[in-house]
Amino acid sequence: MSGPYVIRGAVVLPEAELVWRFSRSSGPGGQHVNTSDSQVELRFDLGKTQVLPPVWKERALERLAGRLVDGVLSVRASEHRSQWRNRETAAVRLASLLAEATAPPPKPRRKSRIPRGINERRLREKKQRGETKRGRSGRDWG
């Protein structure tokens, strides 16, 4: 790997807790694809990690529940011919997934009141428009 992958702030993906698996890729590579293990599967045990703060860990476990198998998050990469580039891709993908899952929830939306003047103006314009349309009918023409 090229360096530490930052999740958020000072929290970094720990190299010791990452489990790598390599296999033959079905992607591009011609004859090369049959001889090299370029597909990468990266696993990170979210349930047992001590790197994430407890609040982040709880949030991530809740948000990624559909992707986890026994608390383990798995990411695959096979877009590139070289194993090294696939390793980079998988690590970046895992870091961004964790960053997104541990992000704090957005602030709740506060309902705003429409000012009385704006509402009155809207009703006045609506009434005026109705009068204009009513004046177009030919019933008063005799």
C-alpha atoms as a PDB file:
ATOM      1  CA  MET A   1       0.000   0.000   0.000  1.00  0.00           C
ATOM      2  CA  SER A   2       1.149   3.521  -0.687  1.00  0.00           C
ATOM      3  CA  GLY A   3       0.420   4.917   2.742  1.00  0.00           C
ATOM      4  CA  PRO A   4      -2.023   5.215   5.598  1.00  0.00           C
ATOM      5  CA  TYR A   5      -5.645   5.530   4.516  1.00  0.00           C
ATOM      6  CA  VAL A   6      -7.415   8.124   6.606  1.00  0.00           C
ATOM      7  CA  ILE A   7     -11.004   7.399   7.545  1.00  0.00           C
ATOM      8  CA  ARG A   8     -11.723  10.768   9.176  1.00  0.00           C
ATOM      9  CA  GLY A   9      -9.657  13.122  11.304  1.00  0.00           C
ATOM     10  CA  ALA A  10      -6.751  11.264  12.911  1.00  0.00           C
ATOM     11  CA  VAL A  11      -8.345   7.811  12.539  1.00  0.00           C
ATOM     12  CA  VAL A  12      -6.472   5.651  10.033  1.00  0.00           C
ATOM     13  CA  LEU A  13      -7.129   2.163   8.615  1.00  0.00           C
ATOM     14  CA  PRO A  14      -4.790  -0.100  10.638  1.00  0.00           C
ATOM     15  CA  GLU A  15      -2.637  -2.299   8.378  1.00  0.00           C
ATOM     16  CA  ALA A  16      -2.545  -5.029  11.053  1.00  0.00           C
ATOM     17  CA  GLU A  17      -6.341  -5.446  11.004  1.00  0.00           C
ATOM     18  CA  LEU A  18      -6.667  -5.695   7.215  1.00  0.00           C
ATOM     19  CA  VAL A  19      -6.951  -9.166   5.710  1.00  0.00           C
ATOM     20  CA  TRP A  20      -6.000  -9.460   2.025  1.00  0.00           C
ATOM     21  CA  ARG A  21      -7.038 -12.274  -0.326  1.00  0.00           C
ATOM     22  CA  PHE A  22      -5.969 -12.578  -3.948  1.00  0.00           C
ATOM     23  CA  SER A  23      -7.469 -14.577  -6.788  1.00  0.00           C
ATOM     24  CA  ARG A  24      -7.582 -14.683 -10.556  1.00  0.00           C
ATOM     25  CA  SER A  25      -9.516 -11.833 -12.031  1.00  0.00           C
ATOM     26  CA  SER A  26     -12.024 -12.064 -14.856  1.00  0.00           C
ATOM     27  CA  GLY A  27     -11.210  -8.503 -15.899  1.00  0.00           C
ATOM     28  CA  PRO A  28      -8.827  -7.162 -18.571  1.00  0.00           C
ATOM     29  CA  GLY A  29      -5.393  -8.656 -19.125  1.00  0.00           C
ATOM     30  CA  GLY A  30      -5.427 -11.034 -22.089  1.00  0.00           C
ATOM     31  CA  GLN A  31      -3.239 -14.112 -21.533  1.00  0.00           C
ATOM     32  CA  HIS A  32      -1.827 -12.411 -18.445  1.00  0.00           C
ATOM     33  CA  VAL A  33      -5.184 -12.830 -16.689  1.00  0.00           C
ATOM     34  CA  ASN A  34      -4.818 -16.632 -16.558  1.00  0.00           C
ATOM     35  CA  THR A  35      -1.461 -16.576 -14.801  1.00  0.00           C
ATOM     36  CA  SER A  36      -1.667 -13.862 -12.144  1.00  0.00           C
ATOM     37  CA  ASP A  37      -3.810 -13.320  -9.072  1.00  0.00           C
ATOM     38  CA  SER A  38      -4.800  -9.729  -9.703  1.00  0.00           C
ATOM     39  CA  GLN A  39      -8.266  -9.638  -8.094  1.00  0.00           C
ATOM     40  CA  VAL A  40      -8.136  -8.337  -4.537  1.00  0.00           C
ATOM     41  CA  GLU A  41     -10.535  -8.918  -1.666  1.00  0.00           C
ATOM     42  CA  LEU A  42      -9.959  -6.770   1.386  1.00  0.00           C
ATOM     43  CA  ARG A  43     -11.627  -7.651   4.690  1.00  0.00           C
ATOM     44  CA  PHE A  44     -11.886  -5.537   7.819  1.00  0.00           C
ATOM     45  CA  ASP A  45     -13.418  -6.862  11.051  1.00  0.00           C
ATOM     46  CA  LEU A  46     -15.614  -3.962  12.082  1.00  0.00           C
ATOM     47  CA  GLY A  47     -17.052  -5.831  15.065  1.00  0.00           C
ATOM     48  CA  LYS A  48     -13.682  -6.474  16.754  1.00  0.00           C
ATOM     49  CA  THR A  49     -11.684  -3.381  15.823  1.00  0.00           C
ATOM     50  CA  GLN A  50     -10.386  -1.082  18.557  1.00  0.00           C
ATOM     51  CA  VAL A  51      -9.328   1.714  16.196  1.00  0.00           C
ATOM     52  CA  LEU A  52     -12.733   3.372  15.821  1.00  0.00           C
ATOM     53  CA  PRO A  53     -14.266   5.334  18.682  1.00  0.00           C
ATOM     54  CA  PRO A  54     -17.266   3.464  20.191  1.00  0.00           C
ATOM     55  CA  VAL A  55     -19.801   5.972  18.789  1.00  0.00           C
ATOM     56  CA  TRP A  56     -18.392   5.656  15.250  1.00  0.00           C
ATOM     57  CA  LYS A  57     -18.226   1.882  15.517  1.00  0.00           C
ATOM     58  CA  GLU A  58     -21.853   1.658  16.610  1.00  0.00           C
ATOM     59  CA  ARG A  59     -22.914   3.986  13.798  1.00  0.00           C
ATOM     60  CA  ALA A  60     -20.945   2.014  11.187  1.00  0.00           C
ATOM     61  CA  LEU A  61     -22.299  -1.345  12.371  1.00  0.00           C
ATOM     62  CA  GLU A  62     -25.824   0.016  12.106  1.00  0.00           C
ATOM     63  CA  ARG A  63     -25.417   1.658   8.687  1.00  0.00           C
ATOM     64  CA  LEU A  64     -23.418  -1.160   7.063  1.00  0.00           C
ATOM     65  CA  ALA A  65     -25.517  -3.993   8.539  1.00  0.00           C
ATOM     66  CA  GLY A  66     -26.578  -5.172   5.057  1.00  0.00           C
ATOM     67  CA  ARG A  67     -22.956  -5.477   3.869  1.00  0.00           C
ATOM     68  CA  LEU A  68     -21.494  -7.179   6.943  1.00  0.00           C
ATOM     69  CA  VAL A  69     -21.000 -10.915   7.383  1.00  0.00           C
ATOM     70  CA  ASP A  70     -20.390 -11.720  11.066  1.00  0.00           C
ATOM     71  CA  GLY A  71     -19.200  -8.144  11.623  1.00  0.00           C
ATOM     72  CA  VAL A  72     -16.669  -8.290   8.771  1.00  0.00           C
ATOM     73  CA  LEU A  73     -16.759  -5.724   5.955  1.00  0.00           C
ATOM     74  CA  SER A  74     -15.503  -7.017   2.611  1.00  0.00           C
ATOM     75  CA  VAL A  75     -14.482  -5.026  -0.485  1.00  0.00           C
ATOM     76  CA  ARG A  76     -13.403  -6.399  -3.879  1.00  0.00           C
ATOM     77  CA  ALA A  77     -11.437  -4.790  -6.685  1.00  0.00           C
ATOM     78  CA  SER A  78     -10.569  -6.252 -10.084  1.00  0.00           C
ATOM     79  CA  GLU A  79     -10.729  -3.264 -12.442  1.00  0.00           C
ATOM     80  CA  HIS A  80      -6.997  -3.068 -13.119  1.00  0.00           C
ATOM     81  CA  ARG A  81      -4.473  -5.512 -14.561  1.00  0.00           C
ATOM     82  CA  SER A  82      -2.008  -5.130 -11.733  1.00  0.00           C
ATOM     83  CA  GLN A  83      -2.583  -6.472  -8.259  1.00  0.00           C
ATOM     84  CA  TRP A  84      -0.940  -3.395  -6.755  1.00  0.00           C
ATOM     85  CA  ARG A  85      -3.451  -0.999  -8.352  1.00  0.00           C
ATOM     86  CA  ASN A  86      -6.334  -3.238  -7.296  1.00  0.00           C
ATOM     87  CA  ARG A  87      -4.963  -3.179  -3.734  1.00  0.00           C
ATOM     88  CA  GLU A  88      -4.925   0.615  -3.832  1.00  0.00           C
ATOM     89  CA  THR A  89      -8.479   0.722  -5.204  1.00  0.00           C
ATOM     90  CA  ALA A  90      -9.812  -1.694  -2.569  1.00  0.00           C
ATOM     91  CA  ALA A  91      -8.144   0.189   0.311  1.00  0.00           C
ATOM     92  CA  VAL A  92      -9.442   3.566  -0.867  1.00  0.00           C
ATOM     93  CA  ARG A  93     -12.929   2.102  -1.343  1.00  0.00           C
ATOM     94  CA  LEU A  94     -12.899   0.606   2.160  1.00  0.00           C
ATOM     95  CA  ALA A  95     -11.697   3.872   3.718  1.00  0.00           C
ATOM     96  CA  SER A  96     -14.402   5.895   1.950  1.00  0.00           C
ATOM     97  CA  LEU A  97     -17.088   3.369   2.943  1.00  0.00           C
ATOM     98  CA  LEU A  98     -16.045   3.649   6.583  1.00  0.00           C
ATOM     99  CA  ALA A  99     -15.841   7.446   6.382  1.00  0.00           C
ATOM    100  CA  GLU A 100     -19.358   7.619   4.993  1.00  0.00           C
ATOM    101  CA  ALA A 101     -20.723   5.125   7.540  1.00  0.00           C
ATOM    102  CA  THR A 102     -19.156   6.863  10.544  1.00  0.00           C
ATOM    103  CA  ALA A 103     -20.193  10.393   9.545  1.00  0.00           C
ATOM    104  CA  PRO A 104     -22.474  12.150  12.027  1.00  0.00           C
ATOM    105  CA  PRO A 105     -26.144  12.345  11.091  1.00  0.00           C
ATOM    106  CA  PRO A 106     -27.250  15.586   9.419  1.00  0.00           C
ATOM    107  CA  LYS A 107     -28.843  18.292  11.555  1.00  0.00           C
ATOM    108  CA  PRO A 108     -32.626  17.942  11.730  1.00  0.00           C
ATOM    109  CA  ARG A 109     -34.492  20.439   9.566  1.00  0.00           C
ATOM    110  CA  ARG A 110     -36.250  23.167  11.497  1.00  0.00           C
ATOM    111  CA  LYS A 111     -39.614  24.097  10.103  1.00  0.00           C
ATOM    112  CA  SER A 112     -39.746  27.764   9.194  1.00  0.00           C
ATOM    113  CA  ARG A 113     -42.856  29.898   9.403  1.00  0.00           C
ATOM    114  CA  ILE A 114     -43.940  31.838   6.338  1.00  0.00           C
ATOM    115  CA  PRO A 115     -44.133  35.534   7.265  1.00  0.00           C
ATOM    116  CA  ARG A 116     -47.669  36.935   7.340  1.00  0.00           C
ATOM    117  CA  GLY A 117     -46.878  39.679   4.819  1.00  0.00           C
ATOM    118  CA  ILE A 118     -45.727  37.169   2.185  1.00  0.00           C
ATOM    119  CA  ASN A 119     -48.841  35.049   2.654  1.00  0.00           C
ATOM    120  CA  GLU A 120     -51.142  38.099   2.418  1.00  0.00           C
ATOM    121  CA  ARG A 121     -49.381  39.294  -0.750  1.00  0.00           C
ATOM    122  CA  ARG A 122     -49.767  35.841  -2.303  1.00  0.00           C
ATOM    123  CA  LEU A 123     -53.493  35.791  -1.539  1.00  0.00           C
ATOM    124  CA  ARG A 124     -53.919  39.361  -2.838  1.00  0.00           C
ATOM    125  CA  GLU A 125     -52.166  38.514  -6.136  1.00  0.00           C
ATOM    126  CA  LYS A 126     -54.231  35.352  -6.429  1.00  0.00           C
ATOM    127  CA  LYS A 127     -57.452  37.336  -5.966  1.00  0.00           C
ATOM    128  CA  GLN A 128     -56.297  39.884  -8.557  1.00  0.00           C
ATOM    129  CA  ARG A 129     -55.496  37.123 -11.060  1.00  0.00           C
ATOM    130  CA  GLY A 130     -58.953  35.618 -10.504  1.00  0.00           C
ATOM    131  CA  GLU A 131     -60.587  39.021 -11.160  1.00  0.00           C
ATOM    132  CA  THR A 132     -58.578  39.363 -14.405  1.00  0.00           C
ATOM    133  CA  LYS A 133     -59.744  35.942 -15.578  1.00  0.00           C
ATOM    134  CA  ARG A 134     -63.341  36.575 -14.530  1.00  0.00           C
ATOM    135  CA  GLY A 135     -63.282  39.798 -16.572  1.00  0.00           C
ATOM    136  CA  ARG A 136     -62.485  37.805 -19.714  1.00  0.00           C
ATOM    137  CA  SER A 137     -65.797  35.953 -19.781  1.00  0.00           C
ATOM    138  CA  GLY A 138     -68.380  37.403 -22.170  1.00  0.00           C
ATOM    139  CA  ARG A 139     -71.480  37.015 -19.988  1.00  0.00           C
ATOM    140  CA  ASP A 140     -71.856  40.745 -19.226  1.00  0.00           C
ATOM    141  CA  TRP A 141     -71.811  41.790 -22.894  1.00  0.00           C
ATOM    142  CA  GLY A 142     -75.468  41.623 -23.341  1.00  0.00           C
END
